[in-house]
Amino acid sequence: MLRCKVVATVVEIRGEGRCSYGHRVGDTFEFTEFTPGGLCRFAYGSLQAAVATLLYGGRFPWAGEDEPTRWACPDPDRPVIFELRRVPAQ
């Protein structure tokens, strides 16, 4: 059983300021051992490795302990920027 979950929050949408899938700044998605519903499959694909790293206790050399990291979806014209944060599971 996982001792944490990862929360992805939309913090910015570049370009025209709107996501073609419909995500909005402030949207949140919780990752546990299951894929969260409502998340664009392209965004999921770009977040998957980073989320797995955080879920299983890994960290990134450019981020401090429990510091959120930012990741972008692959849309070249309107990338959605997500902040990933590890939080204790309840």
C-alpha atoms as a PDB file:
ATOM      1  CA  MET A   1       0.000   0.000   0.000  1.00  0.00           C
ATOM      2  CA  LEU A   2       1.245   3.475  -0.882  1.00  0.00           C
ATOM      3  CA  ARG A   3       2.073   5.838   1.956  1.00  0.00           C
ATOM      4  CA  CYS A   4       1.611   8.927  -0.190  1.00  0.00           C
ATOM      5  CA  LYS A   5      -0.263  10.279  -3.155  1.00  0.00           C
ATOM      6  CA  VAL A   6       0.702  12.854  -5.745  1.00  0.00           C
ATOM      7  CA  VAL A   7      -1.472  15.867  -6.448  1.00  0.00           C
ATOM      8  CA  ALA A   8      -1.159  17.534  -9.846  1.00  0.00           C
ATOM      9  CA  THR A   9      -2.473  21.096 -10.016  1.00  0.00           C
ATOM     10  CA  VAL A  10      -2.824  23.154 -13.191  1.00  0.00           C
ATOM     11  CA  VAL A  11      -0.870  26.334 -12.436  1.00  0.00           C
ATOM     12  CA  GLU A  12      -0.594  27.915 -15.879  1.00  0.00           C
ATOM     13  CA  ILE A  13      -1.804  27.563 -19.456  1.00  0.00           C
ATOM     14  CA  ARG A  14       0.514  29.207 -21.940  1.00  0.00           C
ATOM     15  CA  GLY A  15      -0.208  30.445 -25.438  1.00  0.00           C
ATOM     16  CA  GLU A  16      -3.841  31.441 -25.811  1.00  0.00           C
ATOM     17  CA  GLY A  17      -4.502  30.689 -22.151  1.00  0.00           C
ATOM     18  CA  ARG A  18      -6.921  27.868 -22.837  1.00  0.00           C
ATOM     19  CA  CYS A  19      -6.412  24.128 -22.967  1.00  0.00           C
ATOM     20  CA  SER A  20      -7.881  22.311 -25.969  1.00  0.00           C
ATOM     21  CA  TYR A  21      -8.999  19.509 -23.617  1.00  0.00           C
ATOM     22  CA  GLY A  22     -10.688  21.956 -21.235  1.00  0.00           C
ATOM     23  CA  HIS A  23      -8.360  21.985 -18.234  1.00  0.00           C
ATOM     24  CA  ARG A  24      -8.344  25.230 -16.260  1.00  0.00           C
ATOM     25  CA  VAL A  25      -5.917  26.839 -13.839  1.00  0.00           C
ATOM     26  CA  GLY A  26      -6.683  25.419 -10.398  1.00  0.00           C
ATOM     27  CA  ASP A  27      -7.838  21.980 -11.592  1.00  0.00           C
ATOM     28  CA  THR A  28      -6.381  19.211  -9.431  1.00  0.00           C
ATOM     29  CA  PHE A  29      -5.871  15.497  -9.994  1.00  0.00           C
ATOM     30  CA  GLU A  30      -4.899  12.943  -7.348  1.00  0.00           C
ATOM     31  CA  PHE A  31      -2.644  10.056  -8.297  1.00  0.00           C
ATOM     32  CA  THR A  32      -2.495   6.941  -6.164  1.00  0.00           C
ATOM     33  CA  GLU A  33      -2.147   3.482  -7.661  1.00  0.00           C
ATOM     34  CA  PHE A  34      -4.954   4.487 -10.040  1.00  0.00           C
ATOM     35  CA  THR A  35      -5.078   6.995 -12.904  1.00  0.00           C
ATOM     36  CA  PRO A  36      -7.261   9.986 -12.006  1.00  0.00           C
ATOM     37  CA  GLY A  37     -10.389  10.459 -14.055  1.00  0.00           C
ATOM     38  CA  GLY A  38     -10.826  13.514 -16.232  1.00  0.00           C
ATOM     39  CA  LEU A  39      -7.147  14.013 -17.022  1.00  0.00           C
ATOM     40  CA  CYS A  40      -6.198  14.415 -20.684  1.00  0.00           C
ATOM     41  CA  ARG A  41      -4.367  11.287 -21.915  1.00  0.00           C
ATOM     42  CA  PHE A  42      -1.583  13.385 -23.460  1.00  0.00           C
ATOM     43  CA  ALA A  43      -1.037  15.201 -20.157  1.00  0.00           C
ATOM     44  CA  TYR A  44      -1.100  11.878 -18.326  1.00  0.00           C
ATOM     45  CA  GLY A  45       1.571  10.533 -20.655  1.00  0.00           C
ATOM     46  CA  SER A  46       3.843  13.482 -19.954  1.00  0.00           C
ATOM     47  CA  LEU A  47       3.342  13.263 -16.157  1.00  0.00           C
ATOM     48  CA  GLN A  48       3.420   9.483 -15.737  1.00  0.00           C
ATOM     49  CA  ALA A  49       7.157   8.965 -15.074  1.00  0.00           C
ATOM     50  CA  ALA A  50       7.410  11.942 -12.710  1.00  0.00           C
ATOM     51  CA  VAL A  51       4.325  10.831 -10.772  1.00  0.00           C
ATOM     52  CA  ALA A  52       5.679   7.272 -10.440  1.00  0.00           C
ATOM     53  CA  THR A  53       8.987   8.652  -9.173  1.00  0.00           C
ATOM     54  CA  LEU A  54       7.219  10.657  -6.467  1.00  0.00           C
ATOM     55  CA  LEU A  55       4.747   7.899  -5.540  1.00  0.00           C
ATOM     56  CA  TYR A  56       7.533   5.446  -4.815  1.00  0.00           C
ATOM     57  CA  GLY A  57       9.758   7.765  -2.788  1.00  0.00           C
ATOM     58  CA  GLY A  58      12.052   9.152  -5.477  1.00  0.00           C
ATOM     59  CA  ARG A  59      13.054  12.746  -5.908  1.00  0.00           C
ATOM     60  CA  PHE A  60      14.552  15.034  -8.512  1.00  0.00           C
ATOM     61  CA  PRO A  61      18.029  16.559  -8.143  1.00  0.00           C
ATOM     62  CA  TRP A  62      16.779  20.083  -8.897  1.00  0.00           C
ATOM     63  CA  ALA A  63      14.042  19.997  -6.233  1.00  0.00           C
ATOM     64  CA  GLY A  64      14.457  20.180  -2.481  1.00  0.00           C
ATOM     65  CA  GLU A  65      12.827  17.741  -0.083  1.00  0.00           C
ATOM     66  CA  ASP A  66       9.034  17.808  -0.593  1.00  0.00           C
ATOM     67  CA  GLU A  67       9.381  20.788  -2.938  1.00  0.00           C
ATOM     68  CA  PRO A  68       6.819  20.759  -5.786  1.00  0.00           C
ATOM     69  CA  THR A  69       8.043  20.303  -9.342  1.00  0.00           C
ATOM     70  CA  ARG A  70       6.549  21.626 -12.570  1.00  0.00           C
ATOM     71  CA  TRP A  71       5.853  19.659 -15.718  1.00  0.00           C
ATOM     72  CA  ALA A  72       4.196  20.561 -19.039  1.00  0.00           C
ATOM     73  CA  CYS A  73       1.855  18.694 -21.322  1.00  0.00           C
ATOM     74  CA  PRO A  74       3.136  18.188 -24.881  1.00  0.00           C
ATOM     75  CA  ASP A  75       0.853  20.724 -26.627  1.00  0.00           C
ATOM     76  CA  PRO A  76       3.353  22.953 -28.494  1.00  0.00           C
ATOM     77  CA  ASP A  77       0.960  25.910 -28.843  1.00  0.00           C
ATOM     78  CA  ARG A  78      -0.878  25.864 -25.496  1.00  0.00           C
ATOM     79  CA  PRO A  79       1.123  23.829 -22.988  1.00  0.00           C
ATOM     80  CA  VAL A  80      -0.610  23.231 -19.685  1.00  0.00           C
ATOM     81  CA  ILE A  81       1.792  23.521 -16.742  1.00  0.00           C
ATOM     82  CA  PHE A  82       1.196  21.178 -13.820  1.00  0.00           C
ATOM     83  CA  GLU A  83       2.701  21.382 -10.357  1.00  0.00           C
ATOM     84  CA  LEU A  84       3.303  17.968  -8.786  1.00  0.00           C
ATOM     85  CA  ARG A  85       3.368  17.645  -5.022  1.00  0.00           C
ATOM     86  CA  ARG A  86       3.751  14.515  -2.879  1.00  0.00           C
ATOM     87  CA  VAL A  87       1.358  14.432   0.069  1.00  0.00           C
ATOM     88  CA  PRO A  88       0.683  11.771   2.754  1.00  0.00           C
ATOM     89  CA  ALA A  89      -2.075   9.310   1.871  1.00  0.00           C
ATOM     90  CA  GLN A  90      -5.015   9.285   4.261  1.00  0.00           C
END
